[in-house]
Each structure stands twice: as structure tokens, then as C-alpha cells.
Amino acid sequence: MATPRFLTLTDVAETLNVSLSQVKALVRSGDLQGVKLGGRGVWRVETSELEAYIQRMYAQTRESIRHGTQLD
């Protein structure tokens, strides 16, 4: 089965193992790019955008560790 191009915010929350409200905050802030579709304005995140976000977070984490940031 092919990977869907777009994910619901709930799907994103499950993938990242975070709350739906955290995903909404990421989209609202622009940290995670989302798109509002249709007359009812449902939000979707493109799979490639989620993967790009994850890669940015890995890069930021590597940089933080390099600069001596402690793990929580």
C-alpha cells in the first residue's frame, strides 16, 4: 500500500508520539508546514513536510548536543 501524500493532524500526532494540541501549535507557529483544505478548513500535513520537520529536529538536536545542552 502506498504512503498517503497528506496526513491528518491526528496522524501526525501519532507518528511523533505527541499530543494533538502540540501538533496544532507546531502548525500554527509555522515550525511544521500544514495546509488548510476545503470549505470546512480541515488541516493536513504533507508527508514530505513531516519528514523535513523530523530531519530539522535531528539537526537541531545534534547542534544542541555539540554545544553541551543536557538531555532532559
N, C-alpha and C. Protein backbone atom coordinates (compact mmCIF):
# COMPACT_ATOMS: atom_id res chain seq x y z
N MET A 1 0.84 -1.18 0.00
CA MET A 1 0.00 0.00 0.00
C MET A 1 0.89 1.25 0.00
N ALA A 2 0.53 2.21 -0.81
CA ALA A 2 1.32 3.43 -0.94
C ALA A 2 1.15 4.34 0.28
N THR A 3 2.20 5.08 0.58
CA THR A 3 2.15 6.06 1.66
C THR A 3 1.27 7.21 1.21
N PRO A 4 0.34 7.66 2.06
CA PRO A 4 -0.51 8.78 1.65
C PRO A 4 0.31 10.06 1.53
N ARG A 5 -0.11 10.93 0.62
CA ARG A 5 0.60 12.19 0.45
C ARG A 5 0.33 13.14 1.62
N PHE A 6 -0.91 13.13 2.11
CA PHE A 6 -1.30 14.03 3.19
C PHE A 6 -1.73 13.26 4.42
N LEU A 7 -1.40 13.81 5.59
CA LEU A 7 -1.76 13.21 6.88
C LEU A 7 -2.67 14.16 7.64
N THR A 8 -3.56 13.60 8.44
CA THR A 8 -4.34 14.43 9.34
C THR A 8 -3.44 14.86 10.49
N LEU A 9 -3.87 15.87 11.23
CA LEU A 9 -3.08 16.29 12.39
C LEU A 9 -3.02 15.18 13.43
N THR A 10 -4.08 14.38 13.52
CA THR A 10 -4.09 13.24 14.43
C THR A 10 -3.04 12.21 14.00
N ASP A 11 -2.95 11.96 12.71
CA ASP A 11 -1.92 11.04 12.19
C ASP A 11 -0.52 11.54 12.53
N VAL A 12 -0.31 12.84 12.39
CA VAL A 12 1.00 13.44 12.70
C VAL A 12 1.31 13.27 14.18
N ALA A 13 0.30 13.53 15.02
CA ALA A 13 0.49 13.39 16.47
C ALA A 13 0.87 11.96 16.82
N GLU A 14 0.21 10.98 16.20
CA GLU A 14 0.52 9.58 16.46
C GLU A 14 1.93 9.24 15.97
N THR A 15 2.31 9.75 14.82
CA THR A 15 3.63 9.47 14.26
C THR A 15 4.72 10.02 15.17
N LEU A 16 4.53 11.25 15.67
CA LEU A 16 5.53 11.88 16.52
C LEU A 16 5.39 11.48 17.99
N ASN A 17 4.32 10.77 18.32
CA ASN A 17 4.03 10.36 19.69
C ASN A 17 3.93 11.58 20.62
N VAL A 18 3.18 12.58 20.15
CA VAL A 18 2.90 13.79 20.92
C VAL A 18 1.40 14.03 20.89
N SER A 19 0.95 15.03 21.63
CA SER A 19 -0.49 15.32 21.67
C SER A 19 -0.93 16.08 20.42
N LEU A 20 -2.22 16.01 20.17
CA LEU A 20 -2.81 16.76 19.06
C LEU A 20 -2.59 18.26 19.26
N SER A 21 -2.71 18.73 20.49
CA SER A 21 -2.52 20.16 20.74
C SER A 21 -1.08 20.58 20.44
N GLN A 22 -0.11 19.71 20.68
CA GLN A 22 1.28 20.03 20.34
C GLN A 22 1.46 20.16 18.82
N VAL A 23 0.82 19.27 18.07
CA VAL A 23 0.90 19.34 16.61
C VAL A 23 0.23 20.62 16.11
N LYS A 24 -0.93 20.96 16.67
CA LYS A 24 -1.61 22.20 16.27
C LYS A 24 -0.71 23.40 16.54
N ALA A 25 -0.01 23.40 17.66
CA ALA A 25 0.90 24.50 17.98
C ALA A 25 2.05 24.58 16.98
N LEU A 26 2.57 23.41 16.57
CA LEU A 26 3.66 23.39 15.58
C LEU A 26 3.20 23.96 14.25
N VAL A 27 1.99 23.60 13.83
CA VAL A 27 1.45 24.09 12.56
C VAL A 27 1.15 25.58 12.67
N ARG A 28 0.53 25.98 13.77
CA ARG A 28 0.18 27.39 13.98
C ARG A 28 1.43 28.29 13.97
N SER A 29 2.52 27.81 14.55
CA SER A 29 3.75 28.60 14.63
C SER A 29 4.52 28.60 13.31
N GLY A 30 4.19 27.67 12.42
CA GLY A 30 4.92 27.56 11.16
C GLY A 30 6.13 26.65 11.23
N ASP A 31 6.40 26.09 12.42
CA ASP A 31 7.51 25.14 12.53
C ASP A 31 7.27 23.91 11.67
N LEU A 32 6.03 23.50 11.58
CA LEU A 32 5.62 22.37 10.74
C LEU A 32 4.61 22.92 9.73
N GLN A 33 4.95 22.82 8.46
CA GLN A 33 4.08 23.36 7.41
C GLN A 33 2.84 22.50 7.23
N GLY A 34 1.68 23.15 7.28
CA GLY A 34 0.42 22.47 7.03
C GLY A 34 -0.37 23.26 6.02
N VAL A 35 -1.45 22.66 5.55
CA VAL A 35 -2.30 23.32 4.57
C VAL A 35 -3.76 23.13 5.00
N LYS A 36 -4.54 24.20 4.86
CA LYS A 36 -5.95 24.17 5.20
C LYS A 36 -6.72 23.93 3.90
N LEU A 37 -7.53 22.88 3.88
CA LEU A 37 -8.20 22.46 2.65
C LEU A 37 -9.71 22.49 2.79
N GLY A 38 -10.36 22.75 1.69
CA GLY A 38 -11.81 22.61 1.61
C GLY A 38 -12.59 23.70 2.33
N GLY A 39 -13.89 23.65 2.13
CA GLY A 39 -14.80 24.63 2.71
C GLY A 39 -14.84 24.60 4.22
N ARG A 40 -14.64 23.43 4.79
CA ARG A 40 -14.67 23.29 6.25
C ARG A 40 -13.31 23.59 6.88
N GLY A 41 -12.30 23.78 6.04
CA GLY A 41 -10.98 24.15 6.53
C GLY A 41 -10.29 23.09 7.34
N VAL A 42 -10.24 21.86 6.82
CA VAL A 42 -9.53 20.79 7.53
C VAL A 42 -8.03 20.93 7.26
N TRP A 43 -7.25 20.66 8.28
CA TRP A 43 -5.80 20.77 8.16
C TRP A 43 -5.19 19.44 7.77
N ARG A 44 -4.19 19.52 6.90
CA ARG A 44 -3.42 18.35 6.50
C ARG A 44 -1.95 18.74 6.45
N VAL A 45 -1.09 17.75 6.68
CA VAL A 45 0.35 17.94 6.59
C VAL A 45 0.86 16.96 5.55
N GLU A 46 1.60 17.47 4.59
CA GLU A 46 2.16 16.62 3.55
C GLU A 46 3.24 15.74 4.18
N THR A 47 3.27 14.48 3.80
CA THR A 47 4.22 13.52 4.35
C THR A 47 5.65 14.04 4.21
N SER A 48 5.97 14.64 3.08
CA SER A 48 7.32 15.16 2.86
C SER A 48 7.64 16.31 3.82
N GLU A 49 6.63 17.11 4.19
CA GLU A 49 6.85 18.20 5.15
C GLU A 49 7.12 17.64 6.54
N LEU A 50 6.41 16.58 6.91
CA LEU A 50 6.65 15.94 8.20
C LEU A 50 8.07 15.38 8.24
N GLU A 51 8.49 14.72 7.18
CA GLU A 51 9.85 14.17 7.13
C GLU A 51 10.89 15.27 7.20
N ALA A 52 10.65 16.39 6.51
CA ALA A 52 11.59 17.52 6.56
C ALA A 52 11.65 18.10 7.97
N TYR A 53 10.51 18.18 8.64
CA TYR A 53 10.48 18.67 10.02
C TYR A 53 11.31 17.76 10.93
N ILE A 54 11.12 16.46 10.78
CA ILE A 54 11.86 15.50 11.60
C ILE A 54 13.36 15.66 11.36
N GLN A 55 13.77 15.81 10.11
CA GLN A 55 15.19 15.98 9.81
C GLN A 55 15.75 17.27 10.42
N ARG A 56 14.94 18.35 10.40
CA ARG A 56 15.37 19.60 11.03
C ARG A 56 15.54 19.41 12.53
N MET A 57 14.66 18.65 13.14
CA MET A 57 14.75 18.41 14.58
C MET A 57 16.00 17.59 14.91
N TYR A 58 16.33 16.61 14.07
CA TYR A 58 17.57 15.85 14.27
C TYR A 58 18.77 16.78 14.19
N ALA A 59 18.79 17.66 13.20
CA ALA A 59 19.90 18.59 13.03
C ALA A 59 20.01 19.53 14.24
N GLN A 60 18.88 20.06 14.71
CA GLN A 60 18.90 20.94 15.87
C GLN A 60 19.37 20.19 17.11
N THR A 61 18.96 18.95 17.25
CA THR A 61 19.38 18.14 18.40
C THR A 61 20.88 17.90 18.36
N ARG A 62 21.41 17.54 17.19
CA ARG A 62 22.86 17.34 17.05
C ARG A 62 23.61 18.61 17.44
N GLU A 63 23.12 19.75 16.97
CA GLU A 63 23.77 21.03 17.27
C GLU A 63 23.70 21.33 18.76
N SER A 64 22.58 21.07 19.40
CA SER A 64 22.43 21.30 20.84
C SER A 64 23.41 20.44 21.63
N ILE A 65 23.52 19.19 21.24
CA ILE A 65 24.43 18.27 21.93
C ILE A 65 25.87 18.73 21.74
N ARG A 66 26.18 19.19 20.55
CA ARG A 66 27.52 19.68 20.27
C ARG A 66 27.88 20.86 21.16
N HIS A 67 26.88 21.66 21.51
CA HIS A 67 27.11 22.84 22.34
C HIS A 67 26.86 22.57 23.83
N GLY A 68 26.77 21.31 24.18
CA GLY A 68 26.71 20.93 25.58
C GLY A 68 25.35 20.98 26.25
N THR A 69 24.27 21.03 25.48
CA THR A 69 22.93 21.01 26.07
C THR A 69 22.66 19.66 26.70
N GLN A 70 22.14 19.67 27.90
CA GLN A 70 21.82 18.43 28.62
C GLN A 70 20.56 17.78 28.06
N LEU A 71 20.50 16.47 28.12
CA LEU A 71 19.30 15.74 27.79
C LEU A 71 18.34 15.81 28.97
N ASP A 72 17.07 16.03 28.68
CA ASP A 72 16.07 16.08 29.77
C ASP A 72 15.57 14.71 30.12
